[in-house]
Amino acid sequence: LWAVDEARKARADGILFAFHWGCNY
């Protein structure tokens, strides 16, 4: 919810959730 709020403040069009293979959490 925090990430969405900050993305809107930055006037983002979309969120890219990227992570390494092997990053468990």
PDBML (XML) file of the C-alpha atoms, coordinates in Angstrom:
<?xml version="1.0" encoding="UTF-8" ?>
<PDBx:datablock datablockName="MODEL"
   xmlns:PDBx="http://pdbml.pdb.org/schema/pdbx-v50.xsd"
   xmlns:xsi="http://www.w3.org/2001/XMLSchema-instance"
   xsi:schemaLocation="http://pdbml.pdb.org/schema/pdbx-v50.xsd pdbx-v50.xsd">
   <PDBx:atom_siteCategory>
      <PDBx:atom_site id="1">
         <PDBx:B_iso_or_equiv>0.00</PDBx:B_iso_or_equiv>
         <PDBx:Cartn_x>0.000</PDBx:Cartn_x>
         <PDBx:Cartn_y>0.000</PDBx:Cartn_y>
         <PDBx:Cartn_z>0.000</PDBx:Cartn_z>
         <PDBx:auth_asym_id>A</PDBx:auth_asym_id>
         <PDBx:auth_atom_id>CA</PDBx:auth_atom_id>
         <PDBx:auth_comp_id>LEU</PDBx:auth_comp_id>
         <PDBx:auth_seq_id>1</PDBx:auth_seq_id>
         <PDBx:group_PDB>ATOM</PDBx:group_PDB>
         <PDBx:label_alt_id xsi:nil="true" />
         <PDBx:label_asym_id>A</PDBx:label_asym_id>
         <PDBx:label_atom_id>CA</PDBx:label_atom_id>
         <PDBx:label_comp_id>LEU</PDBx:label_comp_id>
         <PDBx:label_entity_id>1</PDBx:label_entity_id>
         <PDBx:label_seq_id>1</PDBx:label_seq_id>
         <PDBx:occupancy>1.00</PDBx:occupancy>
         <PDBx:pdbx_PDB_model_num>1</PDBx:pdbx_PDB_model_num>
         <PDBx:type_symbol>C</PDBx:type_symbol>
      </PDBx:atom_site>
      <PDBx:atom_site id="2">
         <PDBx:B_iso_or_equiv>0.00</PDBx:B_iso_or_equiv>
         <PDBx:Cartn_x>2.907</PDBx:Cartn_x>
         <PDBx:Cartn_y>2.316</PDBx:Cartn_y>
         <PDBx:Cartn_z>0.737</PDBx:Cartn_z>
         <PDBx:auth_asym_id>A</PDBx:auth_asym_id>
         <PDBx:auth_atom_id>CA</PDBx:auth_atom_id>
         <PDBx:auth_comp_id>TRP</PDBx:auth_comp_id>
         <PDBx:auth_seq_id>2</PDBx:auth_seq_id>
         <PDBx:group_PDB>ATOM</PDBx:group_PDB>
         <PDBx:label_alt_id xsi:nil="true" />
         <PDBx:label_asym_id>A</PDBx:label_asym_id>
         <PDBx:label_atom_id>CA</PDBx:label_atom_id>
         <PDBx:label_comp_id>TRP</PDBx:label_comp_id>
         <PDBx:label_entity_id>1</PDBx:label_entity_id>
         <PDBx:label_seq_id>2</PDBx:label_seq_id>
         <PDBx:occupancy>1.00</PDBx:occupancy>
         <PDBx:pdbx_PDB_model_num>1</PDBx:pdbx_PDB_model_num>
         <PDBx:type_symbol>C</PDBx:type_symbol>
      </PDBx:atom_site>
      <PDBx:atom_site id="3">
         <PDBx:B_iso_or_equiv>0.00</PDBx:B_iso_or_equiv>
         <PDBx:Cartn_x>4.529</PDBx:Cartn_x>
         <PDBx:Cartn_y>1.488</PDBx:Cartn_y>
         <PDBx:Cartn_z>-2.627</PDBx:Cartn_z>
         <PDBx:auth_asym_id>A</PDBx:auth_asym_id>
         <PDBx:auth_atom_id>CA</PDBx:auth_atom_id>
         <PDBx:auth_comp_id>ALA</PDBx:auth_comp_id>
         <PDBx:auth_seq_id>3</PDBx:auth_seq_id>
         <PDBx:group_PDB>ATOM</PDBx:group_PDB>
         <PDBx:label_alt_id xsi:nil="true" />
         <PDBx:label_asym_id>A</PDBx:label_asym_id>
         <PDBx:label_atom_id>CA</PDBx:label_atom_id>
         <PDBx:label_comp_id>ALA</PDBx:label_comp_id>
         <PDBx:label_entity_id>1</PDBx:label_entity_id>
         <PDBx:label_seq_id>3</PDBx:label_seq_id>
         <PDBx:occupancy>1.00</PDBx:occupancy>
         <PDBx:pdbx_PDB_model_num>1</PDBx:pdbx_PDB_model_num>
         <PDBx:type_symbol>C</PDBx:type_symbol>
      </PDBx:atom_site>
      <PDBx:atom_site id="4">
         <PDBx:B_iso_or_equiv>0.00</PDBx:B_iso_or_equiv>
         <PDBx:Cartn_x>1.286</PDBx:Cartn_x>
         <PDBx:Cartn_y>2.288</PDBx:Cartn_y>
         <PDBx:Cartn_z>-4.464</PDBx:Cartn_z>
         <PDBx:auth_asym_id>A</PDBx:auth_asym_id>
         <PDBx:auth_atom_id>CA</PDBx:auth_atom_id>
         <PDBx:auth_comp_id>VAL</PDBx:auth_comp_id>
         <PDBx:auth_seq_id>4</PDBx:auth_seq_id>
         <PDBx:group_PDB>ATOM</PDBx:group_PDB>
         <PDBx:label_alt_id xsi:nil="true" />
         <PDBx:label_asym_id>A</PDBx:label_asym_id>
         <PDBx:label_atom_id>CA</PDBx:label_atom_id>
         <PDBx:label_comp_id>VAL</PDBx:label_comp_id>
         <PDBx:label_entity_id>1</PDBx:label_entity_id>
         <PDBx:label_seq_id>4</PDBx:label_seq_id>
         <PDBx:occupancy>1.00</PDBx:occupancy>
         <PDBx:pdbx_PDB_model_num>1</PDBx:pdbx_PDB_model_num>
         <PDBx:type_symbol>C</PDBx:type_symbol>
      </PDBx:atom_site>
      <PDBx:atom_site id="5">
         <PDBx:B_iso_or_equiv>0.00</PDBx:B_iso_or_equiv>
         <PDBx:Cartn_x>0.986</PDBx:Cartn_x>
         <PDBx:Cartn_y>5.618</PDBx:Cartn_y>
         <PDBx:Cartn_z>-2.659</PDBx:Cartn_z>
         <PDBx:auth_asym_id>A</PDBx:auth_asym_id>
         <PDBx:auth_atom_id>CA</PDBx:auth_atom_id>
         <PDBx:auth_comp_id>ASP</PDBx:auth_comp_id>
         <PDBx:auth_seq_id>5</PDBx:auth_seq_id>
         <PDBx:group_PDB>ATOM</PDBx:group_PDB>
         <PDBx:label_alt_id xsi:nil="true" />
         <PDBx:label_asym_id>A</PDBx:label_asym_id>
         <PDBx:label_atom_id>CA</PDBx:label_atom_id>
         <PDBx:label_comp_id>ASP</PDBx:label_comp_id>
         <PDBx:label_entity_id>1</PDBx:label_entity_id>
         <PDBx:label_seq_id>5</PDBx:label_seq_id>
         <PDBx:occupancy>1.00</PDBx:occupancy>
         <PDBx:pdbx_PDB_model_num>1</PDBx:pdbx_PDB_model_num>
         <PDBx:type_symbol>C</PDBx:type_symbol>
      </PDBx:atom_site>
      <PDBx:atom_site id="6">
         <PDBx:B_iso_or_equiv>0.00</PDBx:B_iso_or_equiv>
         <PDBx:Cartn_x>4.574</PDBx:Cartn_x>
         <PDBx:Cartn_y>6.598</PDBx:Cartn_y>
         <PDBx:Cartn_z>-3.463</PDBx:Cartn_z>
         <PDBx:auth_asym_id>A</PDBx:auth_asym_id>
         <PDBx:auth_atom_id>CA</PDBx:auth_atom_id>
         <PDBx:auth_comp_id>GLU</PDBx:auth_comp_id>
         <PDBx:auth_seq_id>6</PDBx:auth_seq_id>
         <PDBx:group_PDB>ATOM</PDBx:group_PDB>
         <PDBx:label_alt_id xsi:nil="true" />
         <PDBx:label_asym_id>A</PDBx:label_asym_id>
         <PDBx:label_atom_id>CA</PDBx:label_atom_id>
         <PDBx:label_comp_id>GLU</PDBx:label_comp_id>
         <PDBx:label_entity_id>1</PDBx:label_entity_id>
         <PDBx:label_seq_id>6</PDBx:label_seq_id>
         <PDBx:occupancy>1.00</PDBx:occupancy>
         <PDBx:pdbx_PDB_model_num>1</PDBx:pdbx_PDB_model_num>
         <PDBx:type_symbol>C</PDBx:type_symbol>
      </PDBx:atom_site>
      <PDBx:atom_site id="7">
         <PDBx:B_iso_or_equiv>0.00</PDBx:B_iso_or_equiv>
         <PDBx:Cartn_x>4.220</PDBx:Cartn_x>
         <PDBx:Cartn_y>5.483</PDBx:Cartn_y>
         <PDBx:Cartn_z>-7.095</PDBx:Cartn_z>
         <PDBx:auth_asym_id>A</PDBx:auth_asym_id>
         <PDBx:auth_atom_id>CA</PDBx:auth_atom_id>
         <PDBx:auth_comp_id>ALA</PDBx:auth_comp_id>
         <PDBx:auth_seq_id>7</PDBx:auth_seq_id>
         <PDBx:group_PDB>ATOM</PDBx:group_PDB>
         <PDBx:label_alt_id xsi:nil="true" />
         <PDBx:label_asym_id>A</PDBx:label_asym_id>
         <PDBx:label_atom_id>CA</PDBx:label_atom_id>
         <PDBx:label_comp_id>ALA</PDBx:label_comp_id>
         <PDBx:label_entity_id>1</PDBx:label_entity_id>
         <PDBx:label_seq_id>7</PDBx:label_seq_id>
         <PDBx:occupancy>1.00</PDBx:occupancy>
         <PDBx:pdbx_PDB_model_num>1</PDBx:pdbx_PDB_model_num>
         <PDBx:type_symbol>C</PDBx:type_symbol>
      </PDBx:atom_site>
      <PDBx:atom_site id="8">
         <PDBx:B_iso_or_equiv>0.00</PDBx:B_iso_or_equiv>
         <PDBx:Cartn_x>1.214</PDBx:Cartn_x>
         <PDBx:Cartn_y>7.779</PDBx:Cartn_y>
         <PDBx:Cartn_z>-7.440</PDBx:Cartn_z>
         <PDBx:auth_asym_id>A</PDBx:auth_asym_id>
         <PDBx:auth_atom_id>CA</PDBx:auth_atom_id>
         <PDBx:auth_comp_id>ARG</PDBx:auth_comp_id>
         <PDBx:auth_seq_id>8</PDBx:auth_seq_id>
         <PDBx:group_PDB>ATOM</PDBx:group_PDB>
         <PDBx:label_alt_id xsi:nil="true" />
         <PDBx:label_asym_id>A</PDBx:label_asym_id>
         <PDBx:label_atom_id>CA</PDBx:label_atom_id>
         <PDBx:label_comp_id>ARG</PDBx:label_comp_id>
         <PDBx:label_entity_id>1</PDBx:label_entity_id>
         <PDBx:label_seq_id>8</PDBx:label_seq_id>
         <PDBx:occupancy>1.00</PDBx:occupancy>
         <PDBx:pdbx_PDB_model_num>1</PDBx:pdbx_PDB_model_num>
         <PDBx:type_symbol>C</PDBx:type_symbol>
      </PDBx:atom_site>
      <PDBx:atom_site id="9">
         <PDBx:B_iso_or_equiv>0.00</PDBx:B_iso_or_equiv>
         <PDBx:Cartn_x>3.167</PDBx:Cartn_x>
         <PDBx:Cartn_y>10.682</PDBx:Cartn_y>
         <PDBx:Cartn_z>-5.971</PDBx:Cartn_z>
         <PDBx:auth_asym_id>A</PDBx:auth_asym_id>
         <PDBx:auth_atom_id>CA</PDBx:auth_atom_id>
         <PDBx:auth_comp_id>LYS</PDBx:auth_comp_id>
         <PDBx:auth_seq_id>9</PDBx:auth_seq_id>
         <PDBx:group_PDB>ATOM</PDBx:group_PDB>
         <PDBx:label_alt_id xsi:nil="true" />
         <PDBx:label_asym_id>A</PDBx:label_asym_id>
         <PDBx:label_atom_id>CA</PDBx:label_atom_id>
         <PDBx:label_comp_id>LYS</PDBx:label_comp_id>
         <PDBx:label_entity_id>1</PDBx:label_entity_id>
         <PDBx:label_seq_id>9</PDBx:label_seq_id>
         <PDBx:occupancy>1.00</PDBx:occupancy>
         <PDBx:pdbx_PDB_model_num>1</PDBx:pdbx_PDB_model_num>
         <PDBx:type_symbol>C</PDBx:type_symbol>
      </PDBx:atom_site>
      <PDBx:atom_site id="10">
         <PDBx:B_iso_or_equiv>0.00</PDBx:B_iso_or_equiv>
         <PDBx:Cartn_x>5.793</PDBx:Cartn_x>
         <PDBx:Cartn_y>10.058</PDBx:Cartn_y>
         <PDBx:Cartn_z>-8.641</PDBx:Cartn_z>
         <PDBx:auth_asym_id>A</PDBx:auth_asym_id>
         <PDBx:auth_atom_id>CA</PDBx:auth_atom_id>
         <PDBx:auth_comp_id>ALA</PDBx:auth_comp_id>
         <PDBx:auth_seq_id>10</PDBx:auth_seq_id>
         <PDBx:group_PDB>ATOM</PDBx:group_PDB>
         <PDBx:label_alt_id xsi:nil="true" />
         <PDBx:label_asym_id>A</PDBx:label_asym_id>
         <PDBx:label_atom_id>CA</PDBx:label_atom_id>
         <PDBx:label_comp_id>ALA</PDBx:label_comp_id>
         <PDBx:label_entity_id>1</PDBx:label_entity_id>
         <PDBx:label_seq_id>10</PDBx:label_seq_id>
         <PDBx:occupancy>1.00</PDBx:occupancy>
         <PDBx:pdbx_PDB_model_num>1</PDBx:pdbx_PDB_model_num>
         <PDBx:type_symbol>C</PDBx:type_symbol>
      </PDBx:atom_site>
      <PDBx:atom_site id="11">
         <PDBx:B_iso_or_equiv>0.00</PDBx:B_iso_or_equiv>
         <PDBx:Cartn_x>2.995</PDBx:Cartn_x>
         <PDBx:Cartn_y>9.984</PDBx:Cartn_y>
         <PDBx:Cartn_z>-11.276</PDBx:Cartn_z>
         <PDBx:auth_asym_id>A</PDBx:auth_asym_id>
         <PDBx:auth_atom_id>CA</PDBx:auth_atom_id>
         <PDBx:auth_comp_id>ARG</PDBx:auth_comp_id>
         <PDBx:auth_seq_id>11</PDBx:auth_seq_id>
         <PDBx:group_PDB>ATOM</PDBx:group_PDB>
         <PDBx:label_alt_id xsi:nil="true" />
         <PDBx:label_asym_id>A</PDBx:label_asym_id>
         <PDBx:label_atom_id>CA</PDBx:label_atom_id>
         <PDBx:label_comp_id>ARG</PDBx:label_comp_id>
         <PDBx:label_entity_id>1</PDBx:label_entity_id>
         <PDBx:label_seq_id>11</PDBx:label_seq_id>
         <PDBx:occupancy>1.00</PDBx:occupancy>
         <PDBx:pdbx_PDB_model_num>1</PDBx:pdbx_PDB_model_num>
         <PDBx:type_symbol>C</PDBx:type_symbol>
      </PDBx:atom_site>
      <PDBx:atom_site id="12">
         <PDBx:B_iso_or_equiv>0.00</PDBx:B_iso_or_equiv>
         <PDBx:Cartn_x>3.831</PDBx:Cartn_x>
         <PDBx:Cartn_y>6.423</PDBx:Cartn_y>
         <PDBx:Cartn_z>-12.269</PDBx:Cartn_z>
         <PDBx:auth_asym_id>A</PDBx:auth_asym_id>
         <PDBx:auth_atom_id>CA</PDBx:auth_atom_id>
         <PDBx:auth_comp_id>ALA</PDBx:auth_comp_id>
         <PDBx:auth_seq_id>12</PDBx:auth_seq_id>
         <PDBx:group_PDB>ATOM</PDBx:group_PDB>
         <PDBx:label_alt_id xsi:nil="true" />
         <PDBx:label_asym_id>A</PDBx:label_asym_id>
         <PDBx:label_atom_id>CA</PDBx:label_atom_id>
         <PDBx:label_comp_id>ALA</PDBx:label_comp_id>
         <PDBx:label_entity_id>1</PDBx:label_entity_id>
         <PDBx:label_seq_id>12</PDBx:label_seq_id>
         <PDBx:occupancy>1.00</PDBx:occupancy>
         <PDBx:pdbx_PDB_model_num>1</PDBx:pdbx_PDB_model_num>
         <PDBx:type_symbol>C</PDBx:type_symbol>
      </PDBx:atom_site>
      <PDBx:atom_site id="13">
         <PDBx:B_iso_or_equiv>0.00</PDBx:B_iso_or_equiv>
         <PDBx:Cartn_x>1.854</PDBx:Cartn_x>
         <PDBx:Cartn_y>4.659</PDBx:Cartn_y>
         <PDBx:Cartn_z>-14.979</PDBx:Cartn_z>
         <PDBx:auth_asym_id>A</PDBx:auth_asym_id>
         <PDBx:auth_atom_id>CA</PDBx:auth_atom_id>
         <PDBx:auth_comp_id>ASP</PDBx:auth_comp_id>
         <PDBx:auth_seq_id>13</PDBx:auth_seq_id>
         <PDBx:group_PDB>ATOM</PDBx:group_PDB>
         <PDBx:label_alt_id xsi:nil="true" />
         <PDBx:label_asym_id>A</PDBx:label_asym_id>
         <PDBx:label_atom_id>CA</PDBx:label_atom_id>
         <PDBx:label_comp_id>ASP</PDBx:label_comp_id>
         <PDBx:label_entity_id>1</PDBx:label_entity_id>
         <PDBx:label_seq_id>13</PDBx:label_seq_id>
         <PDBx:occupancy>1.00</PDBx:occupancy>
         <PDBx:pdbx_PDB_model_num>1</PDBx:pdbx_PDB_model_num>
         <PDBx:type_symbol>C</PDBx:type_symbol>
      </PDBx:atom_site>
      <PDBx:atom_site id="14">
         <PDBx:B_iso_or_equiv>0.00</PDBx:B_iso_or_equiv>
         <PDBx:Cartn_x>2.679</PDBx:Cartn_x>
         <PDBx:Cartn_y>1.221</PDBx:Cartn_y>
         <PDBx:Cartn_z>-13.628</PDBx:Cartn_z>
         <PDBx:auth_asym_id>A</PDBx:auth_asym_id>
         <PDBx:auth_atom_id>CA</PDBx:auth_atom_id>
         <PDBx:auth_comp_id>GLY</PDBx:auth_comp_id>
         <PDBx:auth_seq_id>14</PDBx:auth_seq_id>
         <PDBx:group_PDB>ATOM</PDBx:group_PDB>
         <PDBx:label_alt_id xsi:nil="true" />
         <PDBx:label_asym_id>A</PDBx:label_asym_id>
         <PDBx:label_atom_id>CA</PDBx:label_atom_id>
         <PDBx:label_comp_id>GLY</PDBx:label_comp_id>
         <PDBx:label_entity_id>1</PDBx:label_entity_id>
         <PDBx:label_seq_id>14</PDBx:label_seq_id>
         <PDBx:occupancy>1.00</PDBx:occupancy>
         <PDBx:pdbx_PDB_model_num>1</PDBx:pdbx_PDB_model_num>
         <PDBx:type_symbol>C</PDBx:type_symbol>
      </PDBx:atom_site>
      <PDBx:atom_site id="15">
         <PDBx:B_iso_or_equiv>0.00</PDBx:B_iso_or_equiv>
         <PDBx:Cartn_x>4.701</PDBx:Cartn_x>
         <PDBx:Cartn_y>-0.839</PDBx:Cartn_y>
         <PDBx:Cartn_z>-11.156</PDBx:Cartn_z>
         <PDBx:auth_asym_id>A</PDBx:auth_asym_id>
         <PDBx:auth_atom_id>CA</PDBx:auth_atom_id>
         <PDBx:auth_comp_id>ILE</PDBx:auth_comp_id>
         <PDBx:auth_seq_id>15</PDBx:auth_seq_id>
         <PDBx:group_PDB>ATOM</PDBx:group_PDB>
         <PDBx:label_alt_id xsi:nil="true" />
         <PDBx:label_asym_id>A</PDBx:label_asym_id>
         <PDBx:label_atom_id>CA</PDBx:label_atom_id>
         <PDBx:label_comp_id>ILE</PDBx:label_comp_id>
         <PDBx:label_entity_id>1</PDBx:label_entity_id>
         <PDBx:label_seq_id>15</PDBx:label_seq_id>
         <PDBx:occupancy>1.00</PDBx:occupancy>
         <PDBx:pdbx_PDB_model_num>1</PDBx:pdbx_PDB_model_num>
         <PDBx:type_symbol>C</PDBx:type_symbol>
      </PDBx:atom_site>
      <PDBx:atom_site id="16">
         <PDBx:B_iso_or_equiv>0.00</PDBx:B_iso_or_equiv>
         <PDBx:Cartn_x>7.441</PDBx:Cartn_x>
         <PDBx:Cartn_y>-3.237</PDBx:Cartn_y>
         <PDBx:Cartn_z>-12.191</PDBx:Cartn_z>
         <PDBx:auth_asym_id>A</PDBx:auth_asym_id>
         <PDBx:auth_atom_id>CA</PDBx:auth_atom_id>
         <PDBx:auth_comp_id>LEU</PDBx:auth_comp_id>
         <PDBx:auth_seq_id>16</PDBx:auth_seq_id>
         <PDBx:group_PDB>ATOM</PDBx:group_PDB>
         <PDBx:label_alt_id xsi:nil="true" />
         <PDBx:label_asym_id>A</PDBx:label_asym_id>
         <PDBx:label_atom_id>CA</PDBx:label_atom_id>
         <PDBx:label_comp_id>LEU</PDBx:label_comp_id>
         <PDBx:label_entity_id>1</PDBx:label_entity_id>
         <PDBx:label_seq_id>16</PDBx:label_seq_id>
         <PDBx:occupancy>1.00</PDBx:occupancy>
         <PDBx:pdbx_PDB_model_num>1</PDBx:pdbx_PDB_model_num>
         <PDBx:type_symbol>C</PDBx:type_symbol>
      </PDBx:atom_site>
      <PDBx:atom_site id="17">
         <PDBx:B_iso_or_equiv>0.00</PDBx:B_iso_or_equiv>
         <PDBx:Cartn_x>8.050</PDBx:Cartn_x>
         <PDBx:Cartn_y>-5.777</PDBx:Cartn_y>
         <PDBx:Cartn_z>-9.413</PDBx:Cartn_z>
         <PDBx:auth_asym_id>A</PDBx:auth_asym_id>
         <PDBx:auth_atom_id>CA</PDBx:auth_atom_id>
         <PDBx:auth_comp_id>PHE</PDBx:auth_comp_id>
         <PDBx:auth_seq_id>17</PDBx:auth_seq_id>
         <PDBx:group_PDB>ATOM</PDBx:group_PDB>
         <PDBx:label_alt_id xsi:nil="true" />
         <PDBx:label_asym_id>A</PDBx:label_asym_id>
         <PDBx:label_atom_id>CA</PDBx:label_atom_id>
         <PDBx:label_comp_id>PHE</PDBx:label_comp_id>
         <PDBx:label_entity_id>1</PDBx:label_entity_id>
         <PDBx:label_seq_id>17</PDBx:label_seq_id>
         <PDBx:occupancy>1.00</PDBx:occupancy>
         <PDBx:pdbx_PDB_model_num>1</PDBx:pdbx_PDB_model_num>
         <PDBx:type_symbol>C</PDBx:type_symbol>
      </PDBx:atom_site>
      <PDBx:atom_site id="18">
         <PDBx:B_iso_or_equiv>0.00</PDBx:B_iso_or_equiv>
         <PDBx:Cartn_x>11.415</PDBx:Cartn_x>
         <PDBx:Cartn_y>-7.293</PDBx:Cartn_y>
         <PDBx:Cartn_z>-10.339</PDBx:Cartn_z>
         <PDBx:auth_asym_id>A</PDBx:auth_asym_id>
         <PDBx:auth_atom_id>CA</PDBx:auth_atom_id>
         <PDBx:auth_comp_id>ALA</PDBx:auth_comp_id>
         <PDBx:auth_seq_id>18</PDBx:auth_seq_id>
         <PDBx:group_PDB>ATOM</PDBx:group_PDB>
         <PDBx:label_alt_id xsi:nil="true" />
         <PDBx:label_asym_id>A</PDBx:label_asym_id>
         <PDBx:label_atom_id>CA</PDBx:label_atom_id>
         <PDBx:label_comp_id>ALA</PDBx:label_comp_id>
         <PDBx:label_entity_id>1</PDBx:label_entity_id>
         <PDBx:label_seq_id>18</PDBx:label_seq_id>
         <PDBx:occupancy>1.00</PDBx:occupancy>
         <PDBx:pdbx_PDB_model_num>1</PDBx:pdbx_PDB_model_num>
         <PDBx:type_symbol>C</PDBx:type_symbol>
      </PDBx:atom_site>
      <PDBx:atom_site id="19">
         <PDBx:B_iso_or_equiv>0.00</PDBx:B_iso_or_equiv>
         <PDBx:Cartn_x>13.464</PDBx:Cartn_x>
         <PDBx:Cartn_y>-9.749</PDBx:Cartn_y>
         <PDBx:Cartn_z>-8.337</PDBx:Cartn_z>
         <PDBx:auth_asym_id>A</PDBx:auth_asym_id>
         <PDBx:auth_atom_id>CA</PDBx:auth_atom_id>
         <PDBx:auth_comp_id>PHE</PDBx:auth_comp_id>
         <PDBx:auth_seq_id>19</PDBx:auth_seq_id>
         <PDBx:group_PDB>ATOM</PDBx:group_PDB>
         <PDBx:label_alt_id xsi:nil="true" />
         <PDBx:label_asym_id>A</PDBx:label_asym_id>
         <PDBx:label_atom_id>CA</PDBx:label_atom_id>
         <PDBx:label_comp_id>PHE</PDBx:label_comp_id>
         <PDBx:label_entity_id>1</PDBx:label_entity_id>
         <PDBx:label_seq_id>19</PDBx:label_seq_id>
         <PDBx:occupancy>1.00</PDBx:occupancy>
         <PDBx:pdbx_PDB_model_num>1</PDBx:pdbx_PDB_model_num>
         <PDBx:type_symbol>C</PDBx:type_symbol>
      </PDBx:atom_site>
      <PDBx:atom_site id="20">
         <PDBx:B_iso_or_equiv>0.00</PDBx:B_iso_or_equiv>
         <PDBx:Cartn_x>16.273</PDBx:Cartn_x>
         <PDBx:Cartn_y>-12.227</PDBx:Cartn_y>
         <PDBx:Cartn_z>-8.765</PDBx:Cartn_z>
         <PDBx:auth_asym_id>A</PDBx:auth_asym_id>
         <PDBx:auth_atom_id>CA</PDBx:auth_atom_id>
         <PDBx:auth_comp_id>HIS</PDBx:auth_comp_id>
         <PDBx:auth_seq_id>20</PDBx:auth_seq_id>
         <PDBx:group_PDB>ATOM</PDBx:group_PDB>
         <PDBx:label_alt_id xsi:nil="true" />
         <PDBx:label_asym_id>A</PDBx:label_asym_id>
         <PDBx:label_atom_id>CA</PDBx:label_atom_id>
         <PDBx:label_comp_id>HIS</PDBx:label_comp_id>
         <PDBx:label_entity_id>1</PDBx:label_entity_id>
         <PDBx:label_seq_id>20</PDBx:label_seq_id>
         <PDBx:occupancy>1.00</PDBx:occupancy>
         <PDBx:pdbx_PDB_model_num>1</PDBx:pdbx_PDB_model_num>
         <PDBx:type_symbol>C</PDBx:type_symbol>
      </PDBx:atom_site>
      <PDBx:atom_site id="21">
         <PDBx:B_iso_or_equiv>0.00</PDBx:B_iso_or_equiv>
         <PDBx:Cartn_x>15.586</PDBx:Cartn_x>
         <PDBx:Cartn_y>-15.917</PDBx:Cartn_y>
         <PDBx:Cartn_z>-9.149</PDBx:Cartn_z>
         <PDBx:auth_asym_id>A</PDBx:auth_asym_id>
         <PDBx:auth_atom_id>CA</PDBx:auth_atom_id>
         <PDBx:auth_comp_id>TRP</PDBx:auth_comp_id>
         <PDBx:auth_seq_id>21</PDBx:auth_seq_id>
         <PDBx:group_PDB>ATOM</PDBx:group_PDB>
         <PDBx:label_alt_id xsi:nil="true" />
         <PDBx:label_asym_id>A</PDBx:label_asym_id>
         <PDBx:label_atom_id>CA</PDBx:label_atom_id>
         <PDBx:label_comp_id>TRP</PDBx:label_comp_id>
         <PDBx:label_entity_id>1</PDBx:label_entity_id>
         <PDBx:label_seq_id>21</PDBx:label_seq_id>
         <PDBx:occupancy>1.00</PDBx:occupancy>
         <PDBx:pdbx_PDB_model_num>1</PDBx:pdbx_PDB_model_num>
         <PDBx:type_symbol>C</PDBx:type_symbol>
      </PDBx:atom_site>
      <PDBx:atom_site id="22">
         <PDBx:B_iso_or_equiv>0.00</PDBx:B_iso_or_equiv>
         <PDBx:Cartn_x>16.623</PDBx:Cartn_x>
         <PDBx:Cartn_y>-17.347</PDBx:Cartn_y>
         <PDBx:Cartn_z>-5.804</PDBx:Cartn_z>
         <PDBx:auth_asym_id>A</PDBx:auth_asym_id>
         <PDBx:auth_atom_id>CA</PDBx:auth_atom_id>
         <PDBx:auth_comp_id>GLY</PDBx:auth_comp_id>
         <PDBx:auth_seq_id>22</PDBx:auth_seq_id>
         <PDBx:group_PDB>ATOM</PDBx:group_PDB>
         <PDBx:label_alt_id xsi:nil="true" />
         <PDBx:label_asym_id>A</PDBx:label_asym_id>
         <PDBx:label_atom_id>CA</PDBx:label_atom_id>
         <PDBx:label_comp_id>GLY</PDBx:label_comp_id>
         <PDBx:label_entity_id>1</PDBx:label_entity_id>
         <PDBx:label_seq_id>22</PDBx:label_seq_id>
         <PDBx:occupancy>1.00</PDBx:occupancy>
         <PDBx:pdbx_PDB_model_num>1</PDBx:pdbx_PDB_model_num>
         <PDBx:type_symbol>C</PDBx:type_symbol>
      </PDBx:atom_site>
      <PDBx:atom_site id="23">
         <PDBx:B_iso_or_equiv>0.00</PDBx:B_iso_or_equiv>
         <PDBx:Cartn_x>15.464</PDBx:Cartn_x>
         <PDBx:Cartn_y>-14.363</PDBx:Cartn_y>
         <PDBx:Cartn_z>-3.716</PDBx:Cartn_z>
         <PDBx:auth_asym_id>A</PDBx:auth_asym_id>
         <PDBx:auth_atom_id>CA</PDBx:auth_atom_id>
         <PDBx:auth_comp_id>CYS</PDBx:auth_comp_id>
         <PDBx:auth_seq_id>23</PDBx:auth_seq_id>
         <PDBx:group_PDB>ATOM</PDBx:group_PDB>
         <PDBx:label_alt_id xsi:nil="true" />
         <PDBx:label_asym_id>A</PDBx:label_asym_id>
         <PDBx:label_atom_id>CA</PDBx:label_atom_id>
         <PDBx:label_comp_id>CYS</PDBx:label_comp_id>
         <PDBx:label_entity_id>1</PDBx:label_entity_id>
         <PDBx:label_seq_id>23</PDBx:label_seq_id>
         <PDBx:occupancy>1.00</PDBx:occupancy>
         <PDBx:pdbx_PDB_model_num>1</PDBx:pdbx_PDB_model_num>
         <PDBx:type_symbol>C</PDBx:type_symbol>
      </PDBx:atom_site>
      <PDBx:atom_site id="24">
         <PDBx:B_iso_or_equiv>0.00</PDBx:B_iso_or_equiv>
         <PDBx:Cartn_x>13.125</PDBx:Cartn_x>
         <PDBx:Cartn_y>-16.252</PDBx:Cartn_y>
         <PDBx:Cartn_z>-1.392</PDBx:Cartn_z>
         <PDBx:auth_asym_id>A</PDBx:auth_asym_id>
         <PDBx:auth_atom_id>CA</PDBx:auth_atom_id>
         <PDBx:auth_comp_id>ASN</PDBx:auth_comp_id>
         <PDBx:auth_seq_id>24</PDBx:auth_seq_id>
         <PDBx:group_PDB>ATOM</PDBx:group_PDB>
         <PDBx:label_alt_id xsi:nil="true" />
         <PDBx:label_asym_id>A</PDBx:label_asym_id>
         <PDBx:label_atom_id>CA</PDBx:label_atom_id>
         <PDBx:label_comp_id>ASN</PDBx:label_comp_id>
         <PDBx:label_entity_id>1</PDBx:label_entity_id>
         <PDBx:label_seq_id>24</PDBx:label_seq_id>
         <PDBx:occupancy>1.00</PDBx:occupancy>
         <PDBx:pdbx_PDB_model_num>1</PDBx:pdbx_PDB_model_num>
         <PDBx:type_symbol>C</PDBx:type_symbol>
      </PDBx:atom_site>
      <PDBx:atom_site id="25">
         <PDBx:B_iso_or_equiv>0.00</PDBx:B_iso_or_equiv>
         <PDBx:Cartn_x>11.274</PDBx:Cartn_x>
         <PDBx:Cartn_y>-13.422</PDBx:Cartn_y>
         <PDBx:Cartn_z>0.326</PDBx:Cartn_z>
         <PDBx:auth_asym_id>A</PDBx:auth_asym_id>
         <PDBx:auth_atom_id>CA</PDBx:auth_atom_id>
         <PDBx:auth_comp_id>TYR</PDBx:auth_comp_id>
         <PDBx:auth_seq_id>25</PDBx:auth_seq_id>
         <PDBx:group_PDB>ATOM</PDBx:group_PDB>
         <PDBx:label_alt_id xsi:nil="true" />
         <PDBx:label_asym_id>A</PDBx:label_asym_id>
         <PDBx:label_atom_id>CA</PDBx:label_atom_id>
         <PDBx:label_comp_id>TYR</PDBx:label_comp_id>
         <PDBx:label_entity_id>1</PDBx:label_entity_id>
         <PDBx:label_seq_id>25</PDBx:label_seq_id>
         <PDBx:occupancy>1.00</PDBx:occupancy>
         <PDBx:pdbx_PDB_model_num>1</PDBx:pdbx_PDB_model_num>
         <PDBx:type_symbol>C</PDBx:type_symbol>
      </PDBx:atom_site>
   </PDBx:atom_siteCategory>
</PDBx:datablock>
